[in-house]
Amino acid sequence: MFEAILMDCRLPVMDGYEATREIRKLPGCDNVPIIALTANALQGDREACLTAGMNDYLAKPFKRNDLQQILQRWVS
């Protein structure tokens, strides 16, 4: 099992939103933290990620410290 998943929202075949919804259907994956790492930084993008089942959101470009804080929040 994974400690966390870093999800790009713009994937070539299936976008990150649909990938997240599919991951959530897998046995034992309903609680794994999924963190969006995306260039989508417009109003409503964070909400779209959370609605799809992601736990958190980080817009690119980001600082290492920002990623570290989010990982500390979700990974024990």
N, C-alpha and C. Protein backbone atom coordinates (compact mmCIF):
# COMPACT_ATOMS: atom_id res chain seq x y z
N MET A 1 0.85 -1.18 0.00
CA MET A 1 0.00 0.00 0.00
C MET A 1 0.89 1.24 0.00
N PHE A 2 0.38 2.31 -0.56
CA PHE A 2 1.11 3.56 -0.65
C PHE A 2 0.83 4.43 0.57
N GLU A 3 1.82 5.25 0.94
CA GLU A 3 1.65 6.22 2.02
C GLU A 3 0.83 7.42 1.54
N ALA A 4 1.05 7.81 0.28
CA ALA A 4 0.34 8.94 -0.32
C ALA A 4 0.50 8.85 -1.83
N ILE A 5 -0.38 9.52 -2.55
CA ILE A 5 -0.31 9.58 -4.00
C ILE A 5 -0.26 11.05 -4.39
N LEU A 6 0.73 11.40 -5.22
CA LEU A 6 0.83 12.75 -5.78
C LEU A 6 0.19 12.67 -7.17
N MET A 7 -0.89 13.40 -7.36
CA MET A 7 -1.70 13.25 -8.58
C MET A 7 -1.59 14.49 -9.46
N ASP A 8 -1.17 14.27 -10.70
CA ASP A 8 -1.20 15.32 -11.71
C ASP A 8 -2.61 15.35 -12.28
N CYS A 9 -3.20 16.50 -12.41
CA CYS A 9 -4.57 16.58 -12.91
C CYS A 9 -4.67 16.44 -14.42
N ARG A 10 -3.59 16.71 -15.12
CA ARG A 10 -3.61 16.63 -16.58
C ARG A 10 -2.79 15.44 -17.04
N LEU A 11 -3.43 14.29 -17.07
CA LEU A 11 -2.79 13.07 -17.55
C LEU A 11 -3.26 12.82 -18.98
N PRO A 12 -2.47 12.10 -19.80
CA PRO A 12 -2.80 11.98 -21.22
C PRO A 12 -4.04 11.16 -21.56
N VAL A 13 -4.28 10.04 -20.91
CA VAL A 13 -5.41 9.19 -21.27
C VAL A 13 -6.60 9.44 -20.36
N MET A 14 -6.36 9.41 -19.07
CA MET A 14 -7.40 9.63 -18.07
C MET A 14 -6.90 10.77 -17.19
N ASP A 15 -7.69 11.83 -17.04
CA ASP A 15 -7.21 12.95 -16.22
C ASP A 15 -7.15 12.55 -14.75
N GLY A 16 -6.50 13.37 -13.96
CA GLY A 16 -6.30 13.07 -12.55
C GLY A 16 -7.57 13.00 -11.73
N TYR A 17 -8.59 13.70 -12.17
CA TYR A 17 -9.87 13.66 -11.47
C TYR A 17 -10.50 12.27 -11.60
N GLU A 18 -10.54 11.77 -12.83
CA GLU A 18 -11.10 10.43 -13.07
C GLU A 18 -10.21 9.36 -12.44
N ALA A 19 -8.89 9.53 -12.54
CA ALA A 19 -7.97 8.57 -11.93
C ALA A 19 -8.21 8.49 -10.42
N THR A 20 -8.43 9.63 -9.80
CA THR A 20 -8.71 9.66 -8.36
C THR A 20 -10.00 8.93 -8.04
N ARG A 21 -11.04 9.18 -8.83
CA ARG A 21 -12.32 8.49 -8.59
C ARG A 21 -12.16 6.97 -8.73
N GLU A 22 -11.34 6.53 -9.69
CA GLU A 22 -11.10 5.10 -9.88
C GLU A 22 -10.27 4.52 -8.74
N ILE A 23 -9.27 5.25 -8.28
CA ILE A 23 -8.45 4.79 -7.16
C ILE A 23 -9.32 4.62 -5.92
N ARG A 24 -10.22 5.55 -5.69
CA ARG A 24 -11.09 5.48 -4.51
C ARG A 24 -11.98 4.24 -4.51
N LYS A 25 -12.24 3.68 -5.67
CA LYS A 25 -13.07 2.48 -5.77
C LYS A 25 -12.30 1.21 -5.42
N LEU A 26 -10.96 1.27 -5.43
CA LEU A 26 -10.14 0.09 -5.17
C LEU A 26 -10.19 -0.28 -3.69
N PRO A 27 -10.18 -1.58 -3.39
CA PRO A 27 -10.19 -2.02 -1.99
C PRO A 27 -8.99 -1.44 -1.22
N GLY A 28 -9.26 -0.86 -0.07
CA GLY A 28 -8.22 -0.32 0.79
C GLY A 28 -7.67 1.02 0.38
N CYS A 29 -8.21 1.63 -0.66
CA CYS A 29 -7.69 2.91 -1.14
C CYS A 29 -8.60 4.09 -0.83
N ASP A 30 -9.60 3.85 -0.02
CA ASP A 30 -10.52 4.94 0.30
C ASP A 30 -9.91 5.96 1.25
N ASN A 31 -8.85 5.58 1.97
CA ASN A 31 -8.25 6.51 2.93
C ASN A 31 -6.83 6.96 2.57
N VAL A 32 -6.26 6.43 1.49
CA VAL A 32 -4.91 6.85 1.11
C VAL A 32 -4.95 8.32 0.70
N PRO A 33 -4.06 9.15 1.24
CA PRO A 33 -4.07 10.56 0.86
C PRO A 33 -3.68 10.76 -0.60
N ILE A 34 -4.50 11.48 -1.33
CA ILE A 34 -4.20 11.84 -2.72
C ILE A 34 -4.06 13.35 -2.76
N ILE A 35 -2.90 13.80 -3.19
CA ILE A 35 -2.57 15.23 -3.20
C ILE A 35 -2.40 15.69 -4.64
N ALA A 36 -3.20 16.64 -5.05
CA ALA A 36 -3.10 17.19 -6.39
C ALA A 36 -1.87 18.07 -6.50
N LEU A 37 -1.06 17.82 -7.52
CA LEU A 37 0.04 18.70 -7.89
C LEU A 37 -0.27 19.15 -9.30
N THR A 38 -0.68 20.39 -9.44
CA THR A 38 -1.21 20.82 -10.73
C THR A 38 -0.87 22.26 -11.06
N ALA A 39 -0.82 22.53 -12.34
CA ALA A 39 -0.64 23.91 -12.80
C ALA A 39 -1.97 24.65 -12.81
N ASN A 40 -3.06 23.92 -12.59
CA ASN A 40 -4.38 24.55 -12.53
C ASN A 40 -4.49 25.35 -11.24
N ALA A 41 -4.45 26.64 -11.35
CA ALA A 41 -4.47 27.49 -10.17
C ALA A 41 -5.57 28.54 -10.25
N LEU A 42 -6.59 28.26 -11.02
CA LEU A 42 -7.71 29.20 -11.15
C LEU A 42 -8.72 28.96 -10.03
N GLN A 43 -9.56 29.94 -9.84
CA GLN A 43 -10.61 29.80 -8.83
C GLN A 43 -11.47 28.59 -9.18
N GLY A 44 -11.70 27.74 -8.21
CA GLY A 44 -12.51 26.55 -8.41
C GLY A 44 -11.71 25.28 -8.65
N ASP A 45 -10.42 25.41 -9.00
CA ASP A 45 -9.61 24.22 -9.26
C ASP A 45 -9.40 23.39 -7.99
N ARG A 46 -9.13 24.05 -6.88
CA ARG A 46 -8.95 23.33 -5.61
C ARG A 46 -10.23 22.57 -5.26
N GLU A 47 -11.36 23.21 -5.41
CA GLU A 47 -12.64 22.58 -5.10
C GLU A 47 -12.90 21.39 -6.01
N ALA A 48 -12.52 21.49 -7.28
CA ALA A 48 -12.70 20.39 -8.23
C ALA A 48 -11.86 19.18 -7.80
N CYS A 49 -10.66 19.43 -7.30
CA CYS A 49 -9.80 18.34 -6.83
C CYS A 49 -10.42 17.67 -5.60
N LEU A 50 -10.88 18.47 -4.67
CA LEU A 50 -11.47 17.91 -3.44
C LEU A 50 -12.76 17.15 -3.75
N THR A 51 -13.55 17.68 -4.67
CA THR A 51 -14.80 17.01 -5.06
C THR A 51 -14.51 15.66 -5.72
N ALA A 52 -13.41 15.56 -6.46
CA ALA A 52 -13.04 14.31 -7.13
C ALA A 52 -12.54 13.27 -6.14
N GLY A 53 -12.25 13.69 -4.90
CA GLY A 53 -11.80 12.74 -3.89
C GLY A 53 -10.37 12.92 -3.43
N MET A 54 -9.71 13.97 -3.92
CA MET A 54 -8.35 14.25 -3.46
C MET A 54 -8.43 14.88 -2.08
N ASN A 55 -7.37 14.72 -1.31
CA ASN A 55 -7.34 15.24 0.05
C ASN A 55 -6.79 16.65 0.16
N ASP A 56 -5.92 17.01 -0.77
CA ASP A 56 -5.27 18.32 -0.68
C ASP A 56 -4.85 18.74 -2.07
N TYR A 57 -4.31 19.95 -2.17
CA TYR A 57 -4.05 20.59 -3.46
C TYR A 57 -2.81 21.46 -3.33
N LEU A 58 -1.92 21.35 -4.31
CA LEU A 58 -0.74 22.20 -4.34
C LEU A 58 -0.51 22.62 -5.78
N ALA A 59 -0.54 23.93 -6.03
CA ALA A 59 -0.37 24.46 -7.38
C ALA A 59 1.11 24.59 -7.73
N LYS A 60 1.43 24.27 -9.00
CA LYS A 60 2.79 24.43 -9.51
C LYS A 60 2.95 25.86 -10.01
N PRO A 61 4.11 26.42 -9.96
CA PRO A 61 5.29 25.91 -9.27
C PRO A 61 5.12 26.06 -7.76
N PHE A 62 5.69 25.14 -7.04
CA PHE A 62 5.60 25.19 -5.59
C PHE A 62 6.99 25.08 -4.98
N LYS A 63 7.08 25.47 -3.74
CA LYS A 63 8.35 25.39 -3.02
C LYS A 63 8.42 24.05 -2.30
N ARG A 64 9.61 23.55 -2.15
CA ARG A 64 9.82 22.27 -1.48
C ARG A 64 9.20 22.27 -0.09
N ASN A 65 9.31 23.39 0.60
CA ASN A 65 8.75 23.50 1.94
C ASN A 65 7.22 23.34 1.93
N ASP A 66 6.57 23.86 0.89
CA ASP A 66 5.11 23.70 0.78
C ASP A 66 4.73 22.23 0.63
N LEU A 67 5.46 21.51 -0.21
CA LEU A 67 5.20 20.08 -0.39
C LEU A 67 5.49 19.32 0.90
N GLN A 68 6.56 19.67 1.55
CA GLN A 68 6.92 19.02 2.81
C GLN A 68 5.83 19.20 3.86
N GLN A 69 5.27 20.40 3.96
CA GLN A 69 4.21 20.65 4.93
C GLN A 69 2.95 19.82 4.63
N ILE A 70 2.61 19.73 3.37
CA ILE A 70 1.43 18.95 3.00
C ILE A 70 1.67 17.47 3.29
N LEU A 71 2.85 16.96 2.95
CA LEU A 71 3.13 15.56 3.24
C LEU A 71 3.14 15.28 4.73
N GLN A 72 3.65 16.19 5.51
CA GLN A 72 3.64 16.00 6.97
C GLN A 72 2.21 16.00 7.51
N ARG A 73 1.33 16.73 6.88
CA ARG A 73 -0.06 16.79 7.30
C ARG A 73 -0.76 15.45 7.06
N TRP A 74 -0.41 14.76 5.96
CA TRP A 74 -1.16 13.59 5.56
C TRP A 74 -0.45 12.25 5.80
N VAL A 75 0.87 12.27 5.92
CA VAL A 75 1.62 11.02 6.09
C VAL A 75 2.21 10.99 7.48
N SER A 76 1.89 9.93 8.20
CA SER A 76 2.40 9.84 9.59
C SER A 76 3.80 9.30 9.65
